[in-house]
Amino acid sequence: MSLVAQHLTLQVGARTLVDGLDLTLGTGEVLGILGANGAGKSTLLSVLAGLAAPAQGRVTLDGNTLGALPPLTRAQHIGLLPQGDEGGFLGSVMDFVVLGHYPFTKHPGDISQHLADWELTDLANRPLDTLSGGERQRARLAQLAVQQPHIALLDEPLTHLDPAHQARLLAWAGSEADAGRTVVLTLHDPNWAACHCDRLLFLHGDGRWQLGTPAELLTPDSLEALYGPGTAALWRQMQRGQPV
């Protein structure tokens, strides 16, 4: 399953966020996207999911124009975890998690295992809107796991999670890649990116972008160019510690 962006340009109003991006998502990899707030990370994920059109360029899934595919067909191959879209859902945690299987006709299998994986078993019958922010985020991750997409796009998935569940999420991303699937996630922590991503994409928010390995991109100079003055010191401090 190949998702390819060719000469992609993303704009918000008159502002160009990304200019001429060429990106092929490799099978069995974890790609981390880093950039300051408003740099275009969420916009890019929406375009890669087929939910928004680029200003220029195109995205293809196995050679087919992504935007031309029916939504259910896209959902059978691409899963998107956006930032907090469950508002207004009145059902239980179990009801919400099962929705991950909606694009498919076959039986969803053992949903209880996915609940257990994200420590939601005791919360399965609770209304989703009664959960804490971290618990709701775990329910959204369980829903994505039920979908089992070939390509998972996660927008700031570490939000609201405590350190143990952050580590659990990143371990899940690695296991998905080991199983031959592709995971793309937006991050703000260079330490997590260094330890858990095969490649990184830096978005500068002014059209510029950089694509490379953590070793190539995670340098004090490049981080300061990405995030602004003072951030190089944070990376030097991180480098003194042991990877998580």
C-alpha atoms as a PDB file:
ATOM      1  CA  MET A   1       0.000   0.000   0.000  1.00  0.00           C
ATOM      2  CA  SER A   2       1.685   3.180  -1.232  1.00  0.00           C
ATOM      3  CA  LEU A   3       0.614   6.741  -0.403  1.00  0.00           C
ATOM      4  CA  VAL A   4       2.479   9.308  -2.501  1.00  0.00           C
ATOM      5  CA  ALA A   5       2.345  13.105  -2.414  1.00  0.00           C
ATOM      6  CA  GLN A   6       3.705  14.773  -5.548  1.00  0.00           C
ATOM      7  CA  HIS A   7       4.673  18.459  -5.745  1.00  0.00           C
ATOM      8  CA  LEU A   8       2.240  19.233  -2.922  1.00  0.00           C
ATOM      9  CA  THR A   9       1.544  22.864  -2.091  1.00  0.00           C
ATOM     10  CA  LEU A  10      -0.627  23.773   0.905  1.00  0.00           C
ATOM     11  CA  GLN A  11      -2.044  27.235   1.497  1.00  0.00           C
ATOM     12  CA  VAL A  12      -4.191  28.967   4.084  1.00  0.00           C
ATOM     13  CA  GLY A  13      -5.549  32.147   2.553  1.00  0.00           C
ATOM     14  CA  ALA A  14      -2.639  33.916   0.908  1.00  0.00           C
ATOM     15  CA  ARG A  15      -0.088  32.137   3.086  1.00  0.00           C
ATOM     16  CA  THR A  16       1.869  29.179   1.695  1.00  0.00           C
ATOM     17  CA  LEU A  17       2.515  26.607   4.404  1.00  0.00           C
ATOM     18  CA  VAL A  18       4.172  23.890   2.324  1.00  0.00           C
ATOM     19  CA  ASP A  19       5.620  24.345  -1.164  1.00  0.00           C
ATOM     20  CA  GLY A  20       6.391  21.511  -3.572  1.00  0.00           C
ATOM     21  CA  LEU A  21       6.473  18.616  -1.109  1.00  0.00           C
ATOM     22  CA  ASP A  22       7.367  15.199  -2.552  1.00  0.00           C
ATOM     23  CA  LEU A  23       6.711  12.424  -0.060  1.00  0.00           C
ATOM     24  CA  THR A  24       6.361   8.671  -0.434  1.00  0.00           C
ATOM     25  CA  LEU A  25       5.251   6.836   2.674  1.00  0.00           C
ATOM     26  CA  GLY A  26       7.233   3.666   2.940  1.00  0.00           C
ATOM     27  CA  THR A  27       5.748   0.384   4.093  1.00  0.00           C
ATOM     28  CA  GLY A  28       6.713  -0.452   7.650  1.00  0.00           C
ATOM     29  CA  GLU A  29       7.942   2.943   8.804  1.00  0.00           C
ATOM     30  CA  VAL A  30       7.150   5.571  11.411  1.00  0.00           C
ATOM     31  CA  LEU A  31       7.324   9.126  10.072  1.00  0.00           C
ATOM     32  CA  GLY A  32       7.328  12.006  12.535  1.00  0.00           C
ATOM     33  CA  ILE A  33       6.209  15.491  11.482  1.00  0.00           C
ATOM     34  CA  LEU A  34       7.577  18.393  13.505  1.00  0.00           C
ATOM     35  CA  GLY A  35       6.941  22.108  13.276  1.00  0.00           C
ATOM     36  CA  ALA A  36       5.757  25.087  15.249  1.00  0.00           C
ATOM     37  CA  ASN A  37       2.073  25.747  15.890  1.00  0.00           C
ATOM     38  CA  GLY A  38       0.368  26.743  12.651  1.00  0.00           C
ATOM     39  CA  ALA A  39       3.126  25.343  10.436  1.00  0.00           C
ATOM     40  CA  GLY A  40       0.717  23.114   8.499  1.00  0.00           C
ATOM     41  CA  LYS A  41       1.010  19.752  10.252  1.00  0.00           C
ATOM     42  CA  SER A  42      -2.735  19.197  10.700  1.00  0.00           C
ATOM     43  CA  THR A  43      -3.442  20.568   7.230  1.00  0.00           C
ATOM     44  CA  LEU A  44      -0.996  18.103   5.712  1.00  0.00           C
ATOM     45  CA  LEU A  45      -2.556  15.148   7.529  1.00  0.00           C
ATOM     46  CA  SER A  46      -6.019  16.166   6.299  1.00  0.00           C
ATOM     47  CA  VAL A  47      -4.722  16.259   2.724  1.00  0.00           C
ATOM     48  CA  LEU A  48      -2.958  12.893   3.106  1.00  0.00           C
ATOM     49  CA  ALA A  49      -6.232  11.447   4.426  1.00  0.00           C
ATOM     50  CA  GLY A  50      -8.152  12.741   1.411  1.00  0.00           C
ATOM     51  CA  LEU A  51     -10.303  15.083   3.504  1.00  0.00           C
ATOM     52  CA  ALA A  52      -8.921  18.281   1.981  1.00  0.00           C
ATOM     53  CA  ALA A  53      -7.507  19.219  -1.405  1.00  0.00           C
ATOM     54  CA  PRO A  54      -4.041  20.742  -1.850  1.00  0.00           C
ATOM     55  CA  ALA A  55      -3.578  24.090  -3.568  1.00  0.00           C
ATOM     56  CA  GLN A  56      -1.331  22.299  -6.053  1.00  0.00           C
ATOM     57  CA  GLY A  57      -0.051  18.782  -6.578  1.00  0.00           C
ATOM     58  CA  ARG A  58      -1.768  15.501  -5.888  1.00  0.00           C
ATOM     59  CA  VAL A  59      -1.905  12.544  -3.521  1.00  0.00           C
ATOM     60  CA  THR A  60      -2.280   8.989  -4.817  1.00  0.00           C
ATOM     61  CA  LEU A  61      -3.041   5.695  -3.108  1.00  0.00           C
ATOM     62  CA  ASP A  62      -1.541   2.820  -5.079  1.00  0.00           C
ATOM     63  CA  GLY A  63      -1.586   5.072  -8.135  1.00  0.00           C
ATOM     64  CA  ASN A  64      -5.216   6.183  -7.728  1.00  0.00           C
ATOM     65  CA  THR A  65      -5.996   9.835  -7.075  1.00  0.00           C
ATOM     66  CA  LEU A  66      -6.923   9.883  -3.397  1.00  0.00           C
ATOM     67  CA  GLY A  67      -9.664  12.495  -3.618  1.00  0.00           C
ATOM     68  CA  ALA A  68     -11.475  10.495  -6.307  1.00  0.00           C
ATOM     69  CA  LEU A  69     -11.827   7.389  -4.137  1.00  0.00           C
ATOM     70  CA  PRO A  70     -15.094   6.849  -2.228  1.00  0.00           C
ATOM     71  CA  PRO A  71     -14.796   7.749   1.477  1.00  0.00           C
ATOM     72  CA  LEU A  72     -15.379   4.160   2.624  1.00  0.00           C
ATOM     73  CA  THR A  73     -12.658   2.912   0.289  1.00  0.00           C
ATOM     74  CA  ARG A  74     -10.226   5.451   1.716  1.00  0.00           C
ATOM     75  CA  ALA A  75     -11.219   4.471   5.257  1.00  0.00           C
ATOM     76  CA  GLN A  76     -10.459   0.816   4.531  1.00  0.00           C
ATOM     77  CA  HIS A  77      -6.828   1.764   3.981  1.00  0.00           C
ATOM     78  CA  ILE A  78      -6.169   5.094   5.736  1.00  0.00           C
ATOM     79  CA  GLY A  79      -7.022   5.950   9.331  1.00  0.00           C
ATOM     80  CA  LEU A  80      -6.899   9.501  10.705  1.00  0.00           C
ATOM     81  CA  LEU A  81      -6.727  10.432  14.370  1.00  0.00           C
ATOM     82  CA  PRO A  82      -7.495  14.176  14.331  1.00  0.00           C
ATOM     83  CA  GLN A  83      -7.333  16.469  17.322  1.00  0.00           C
ATOM     84  CA  GLY A  84     -10.473  15.896  19.423  1.00  0.00           C
ATOM     85  CA  ASP A  85     -13.376  15.158  17.078  1.00  0.00           C
ATOM     86  CA  GLU A  86     -15.615  13.136  19.400  1.00  0.00           C
ATOM     87  CA  GLY A  87     -17.602  16.099  20.762  1.00  0.00           C
ATOM     88  CA  GLY A  88     -21.325  15.401  20.977  1.00  0.00           C
ATOM     89  CA  PHE A  89     -21.005  11.607  20.944  1.00  0.00           C
ATOM     90  CA  LEU A  90     -23.579  10.338  23.437  1.00  0.00           C
ATOM     91  CA  GLY A  91     -22.854   6.615  23.388  1.00  0.00           C
ATOM     92  CA  SER A  92     -20.642   4.428  25.535  1.00  0.00           C
ATOM     93  CA  VAL A  93     -16.910   3.854  25.190  1.00  0.00           C
ATOM     94  CA  MET A  94     -17.661   0.458  23.637  1.00  0.00           C
ATOM     95  CA  ASP A  95     -20.015   2.046  21.089  1.00  0.00           C
ATOM     96  CA  PHE A  96     -17.367   4.602  20.181  1.00  0.00           C
ATOM     97  CA  VAL A  97     -14.566   2.064  19.790  1.00  0.00           C
ATOM     98  CA  VAL A  98     -16.690  -0.247  17.622  1.00  0.00           C
ATOM     99  CA  LEU A  99     -17.187   2.620  15.144  1.00  0.00           C
ATOM    100  CA  GLY A 100     -13.626   1.968  14.007  1.00  0.00           C
ATOM    101  CA  HIS A 101     -14.966  -1.066  12.172  1.00  0.00           C
ATOM    102  CA  TYR A 102     -17.604   0.904  10.241  1.00  0.00           C
ATOM    103  CA  PRO A 103     -15.791   0.845   6.845  1.00  0.00           C
ATOM    104  CA  PHE A 104     -15.835  -2.969   6.776  1.00  0.00           C
ATOM    105  CA  THR A 105     -18.542  -5.588   6.325  1.00  0.00           C
ATOM    106  CA  LYS A 106     -16.881  -8.532   8.046  1.00  0.00           C
ATOM    107  CA  HIS A 107     -17.327  -9.180  11.764  1.00  0.00           C
ATOM    108  CA  PRO A 108     -15.114  -6.872  13.857  1.00  0.00           C
ATOM    109  CA  GLY A 109     -13.699  -9.716  15.930  1.00  0.00           C
ATOM    110  CA  ASP A 110     -12.697  -9.379  19.564  1.00  0.00           C
ATOM    111  CA  ILE A 111     -13.200  -5.715  20.462  1.00  0.00           C
ATOM    112  CA  SER A 112     -12.497  -6.528  24.106  1.00  0.00           C
ATOM    113  CA  GLN A 113      -8.826  -7.087  23.313  1.00  0.00           C
ATOM    114  CA  HIS A 114      -8.491  -3.577  21.911  1.00  0.00           C
ATOM    115  CA  LEU A 115     -10.195  -2.192  25.017  1.00  0.00           C
ATOM    116  CA  ALA A 116      -7.773  -4.141  27.177  1.00  0.00           C
ATOM    117  CA  ASP A 117      -4.776  -2.960  25.160  1.00  0.00           C
ATOM    118  CA  TRP A 118      -5.680   0.658  25.970  1.00  0.00           C
ATOM    119  CA  GLU A 119      -6.825  -0.075  29.565  1.00  0.00           C
ATOM    120  CA  LEU A 120     -10.461   0.687  28.804  1.00  0.00           C
ATOM    121  CA  THR A 121     -12.105  -2.572  29.901  1.00  0.00           C
ATOM    122  CA  ASP A 122     -13.506  -1.125  33.131  1.00  0.00           C
ATOM    123  CA  LEU A 123     -14.737   1.943  31.219  1.00  0.00           C
ATOM    124  CA  ALA A 124     -16.443   0.115  28.348  1.00  0.00           C
ATOM    125  CA  ASN A 125     -20.004   0.897  29.495  1.00  0.00           C
ATOM    126  CA  ARG A 126     -19.310   4.449  30.620  1.00  0.00           C
ATOM    127  CA  PRO A 127     -20.649   7.314  28.469  1.00  0.00           C
ATOM    128  CA  LEU A 128     -17.725   8.646  26.475  1.00  0.00           C
ATOM    129  CA  ASP A 129     -18.412  12.232  27.530  1.00  0.00           C
ATOM    130  CA  THR A 130     -17.889  11.352  31.215  1.00  0.00           C
ATOM    131  CA  LEU A 131     -14.248  10.348  30.679  1.00  0.00           C
ATOM    132  CA  SER A 132     -11.181  12.449  31.350  1.00  0.00           C
ATOM    133  CA  GLY A 133      -9.208  13.889  28.440  1.00  0.00           C
ATOM    134  CA  GLY A 134      -6.610  11.143  28.629  1.00  0.00           C
ATOM    135  CA  GLU A 135      -9.224   8.396  28.826  1.00  0.00           C
ATOM    136  CA  ARG A 136     -11.035   9.797  25.792  1.00  0.00           C
ATOM    137  CA  GLN A 137      -7.756   9.931  23.889  1.00  0.00           C
ATOM    138  CA  ARG A 138      -7.179   6.257  24.669  1.00  0.00           C
ATOM    139  CA  ALA A 139     -10.704   5.480  23.416  1.00  0.00           C
ATOM    140  CA  ARG A 140      -9.909   7.265  20.159  1.00  0.00           C
ATOM    141  CA  LEU A 141      -6.691   5.260  19.834  1.00  0.00           C
ATOM    142  CA  ALA A 142      -8.602   2.029  20.477  1.00  0.00           C
ATOM    143  CA  GLN A 143     -11.067   3.000  17.754  1.00  0.00           C
ATOM    144  CA  LEU A 144      -8.174   3.510  15.331  1.00  0.00           C
ATOM    145  CA  ALA A 145      -6.695   0.148  16.351  1.00  0.00           C
ATOM    146  CA  VAL A 146     -10.026  -1.538  15.560  1.00  0.00           C
ATOM    147  CA  GLN A 147      -9.946   0.049  12.103  1.00  0.00           C
ATOM    148  CA  GLN A 148      -6.477  -1.471  11.510  1.00  0.00           C
ATOM    149  CA  PRO A 149      -5.572   0.877   8.666  1.00  0.00           C
ATOM    150  CA  HIS A 150      -2.608   0.185   6.423  1.00  0.00           C
ATOM    151  CA  ILE A 151      -1.648   3.843   6.894  1.00  0.00           C
ATOM    152  CA  ALA A 152      -2.370   5.543  10.228  1.00  0.00           C
ATOM    153  CA  LEU A 153      -2.193   9.343  10.408  1.00  0.00           C
ATOM    154  CA  LEU A 154      -2.128  10.652  13.989  1.00  0.00           C
ATOM    155  CA  ASP A 155      -2.355  14.350  14.816  1.00  0.00           C
ATOM    156  CA  GLU A 156      -0.654  15.101  18.146  1.00  0.00           C
ATOM    157  CA  PRO A 157      -1.639  11.701  19.572  1.00  0.00           C
ATOM    158  CA  LEU A 158       0.353  12.235  22.789  1.00  0.00           C
ATOM    159  CA  THR A 159      -2.007  15.029  23.863  1.00  0.00           C
ATOM    160  CA  HIS A 160      -3.606  14.392  27.288  1.00  0.00           C
ATOM    161  CA  LEU A 161      -1.764  11.094  27.769  1.00  0.00           C
ATOM    162  CA  ASP A 162       0.318  10.476  30.876  1.00  0.00           C
ATOM    163  CA  PRO A 163       3.932   9.297  30.354  1.00  0.00           C
ATOM    164  CA  ALA A 164       3.041   5.601  30.648  1.00  0.00           C
ATOM    165  CA  HIS A 165       0.392   5.850  27.943  1.00  0.00           C
ATOM    166  CA  GLN A 166       2.632   8.020  25.773  1.00  0.00           C
ATOM    167  CA  ALA A 167       5.184   5.211  25.876  1.00  0.00           C
ATOM    168  CA  ARG A 168       2.399   2.706  25.139  1.00  0.00           C
ATOM    169  CA  LEU A 169       1.324   4.698  22.085  1.00  0.00           C
ATOM    170  CA  LEU A 170       4.835   4.950  20.688  1.00  0.00           C
ATOM    171  CA  ALA A 171       5.381   1.223  21.263  1.00  0.00           C
ATOM    172  CA  TRP A 172       2.140   0.598  19.346  1.00  0.00           C
ATOM    173  CA  ALA A 173       3.418   2.750  16.472  1.00  0.00           C
ATOM    174  CA  GLY A 174       6.590   0.685  16.343  1.00  0.00           C
ATOM    175  CA  SER A 175       4.669  -2.596  16.386  1.00  0.00           C
ATOM    176  CA  GLU A 176       2.441  -1.384  13.545  1.00  0.00           C
ATOM    177  CA  ALA A 177       5.531  -0.592  11.478  1.00  0.00           C
ATOM    178  CA  ASP A 178       7.023  -3.997  12.332  1.00  0.00           C
ATOM    179  CA  ALA A 179       3.812  -5.570  10.991  1.00  0.00           C
ATOM    180  CA  GLY A 180       4.315  -3.818   7.641  1.00  0.00           C
ATOM    181  CA  ARG A 181       1.959  -0.895   8.192  1.00  0.00           C
ATOM    182  CA  THR A 182       2.799   2.815   8.092  1.00  0.00           C
ATOM    183  CA  VAL A 183       2.382   5.328  10.915  1.00  0.00           C
ATOM    184  CA  VAL A 184       2.613   9.100  10.530  1.00  0.00           C
ATOM    185  CA  LEU A 185       2.371  11.244  13.639  1.00  0.00           C
ATOM    186  CA  THR A 186       2.870  14.880  14.514  1.00  0.00           C
ATOM    187  CA  LEU A 187       5.123  15.504  17.492  1.00  0.00           C
ATOM    188  CA  HIS A 188       6.612  18.358  19.458  1.00  0.00           C
ATOM    189  CA  ASP A 189       9.230  16.448  21.473  1.00  0.00           C
ATOM    190  CA  PRO A 190      12.526  15.899  19.623  1.00  0.00           C
ATOM    191  CA  ASN A 191      13.482  13.203  22.139  1.00  0.00           C
ATOM    192  CA  TRP A 192      10.466  11.065  21.248  1.00  0.00           C
ATOM    193  CA  ALA A 193      11.150  11.704  17.556  1.00  0.00           C
ATOM    194  CA  ALA A 194      14.776  10.626  17.871  1.00  0.00           C
ATOM    195  CA  CYS A 195      13.904   7.379  19.607  1.00  0.00           C
ATOM    196  CA  HIS A 196      10.782   6.256  17.775  1.00  0.00           C
ATOM    197  CA  CYS A 197      10.760   7.596  14.196  1.00  0.00           C
ATOM    198  CA  ASP A 198      12.486   6.202  11.121  1.00  0.00           C
ATOM    199  CA  ARG A 199      12.198   9.485   9.211  1.00  0.00           C
ATOM    200  CA  LEU A 200      11.248  13.046  10.062  1.00  0.00           C
ATOM    201  CA  LEU A 201       9.541  15.811   8.130  1.00  0.00           C
ATOM    202  CA  PHE A 202      10.179  19.367   9.302  1.00  0.00           C
ATOM    203  CA  LEU A 203       7.581  21.976   8.312  1.00  0.00           C
ATOM    204  CA  HIS A 204       8.704  25.574   8.678  1.00  0.00           C
ATOM    205  CA  GLY A 205       5.314  27.108   7.950  1.00  0.00           C
ATOM    206  CA  ASP A 206       6.584  29.391   5.177  1.00  0.00           C
ATOM    207  CA  GLY A 207       6.727  26.853   2.363  1.00  0.00           C
ATOM    208  CA  ARG A 208      10.049  25.318   3.372  1.00  0.00           C
ATOM    209  CA  TRP A 209      10.278  21.678   4.411  1.00  0.00           C
ATOM    210  CA  GLN A 210      13.000  19.157   5.197  1.00  0.00           C
ATOM    211  CA  LEU A 211      12.822  15.371   4.995  1.00  0.00           C
ATOM    212  CA  GLY A 212      15.443  13.060   6.422  1.00  0.00           C
ATOM    213  CA  THR A 213      16.465  10.715   9.192  1.00  0.00           C
ATOM    214  CA  PRO A 214      16.571  11.781  12.858  1.00  0.00           C
ATOM    215  CA  ALA A 215      20.368  11.746  12.683  1.00  0.00           C
ATOM    216  CA  GLU A 216      20.292  14.149   9.737  1.00  0.00           C
ATOM    217  CA  LEU A 217      17.675  16.581  11.036  1.00  0.00           C
ATOM    218  CA  LEU A 218      17.878  16.564  14.820  1.00  0.00           C
ATOM    219  CA  THR A 219      20.708  19.007  15.320  1.00  0.00           C
ATOM    220  CA  PRO A 220      20.717  22.127  17.507  1.00  0.00           C
ATOM    221  CA  ASP A 221      20.966  24.393  14.470  1.00  0.00           C
ATOM    222  CA  SER A 222      18.104  22.796  12.571  1.00  0.00           C
ATOM    223  CA  LEU A 223      15.827  22.742  15.620  1.00  0.00           C
ATOM    224  CA  GLU A 224      16.506  26.391  16.300  1.00  0.00           C
ATOM    225  CA  ALA A 225      15.686  27.168  12.666  1.00  0.00           C
ATOM    226  CA  LEU A 226      12.459  25.186  13.034  1.00  0.00           C
ATOM    227  CA  TYR A 227      11.227  26.386  16.428  1.00  0.00           C
ATOM    228  CA  GLY A 228      13.063  29.632  17.029  1.00  0.00           C
ATOM    229  CA  PRO A 229      15.837  31.001  19.264  1.00  0.00           C
ATOM    230  CA  GLY A 230      16.485  29.163  22.501  1.00  0.00           C
ATOM    231  CA  THR A 231      15.279  25.728  21.450  1.00  0.00           C
ATOM    232  CA  ALA A 232      18.774  24.444  20.675  1.00  0.00           C
ATOM    233  CA  ALA A 233      19.550  24.536  24.390  1.00  0.00           C
ATOM    234  CA  LEU A 234      16.559  22.261  25.049  1.00  0.00           C
ATOM    235  CA  TRP A 235      17.862  19.683  22.583  1.00  0.00           C
ATOM    236  CA  ARG A 236      21.360  19.790  24.075  1.00  0.00           C
ATOM    237  CA  GLN A 237      19.802  19.144  27.480  1.00  0.00           C
ATOM    238  CA  MET A 238      17.836  16.183  26.109  1.00  0.00           C
ATOM    239  CA  GLN A 239      20.939  14.679  24.546  1.00  0.00           C
ATOM    240  CA  ARG A 240      22.529  14.295  27.983  1.00  0.00           C
ATOM    241  CA  GLY A 241      19.832  11.863  29.095  1.00  0.00           C
ATOM    242  CA  GLN A 242      19.152   8.311  28.079  1.00  0.00           C
ATOM    243  CA  PRO A 243      16.553   7.700  25.342  1.00  0.00           C
ATOM    244  CA  VAL A 244      13.114   6.750  26.594  1.00  0.00           C
END
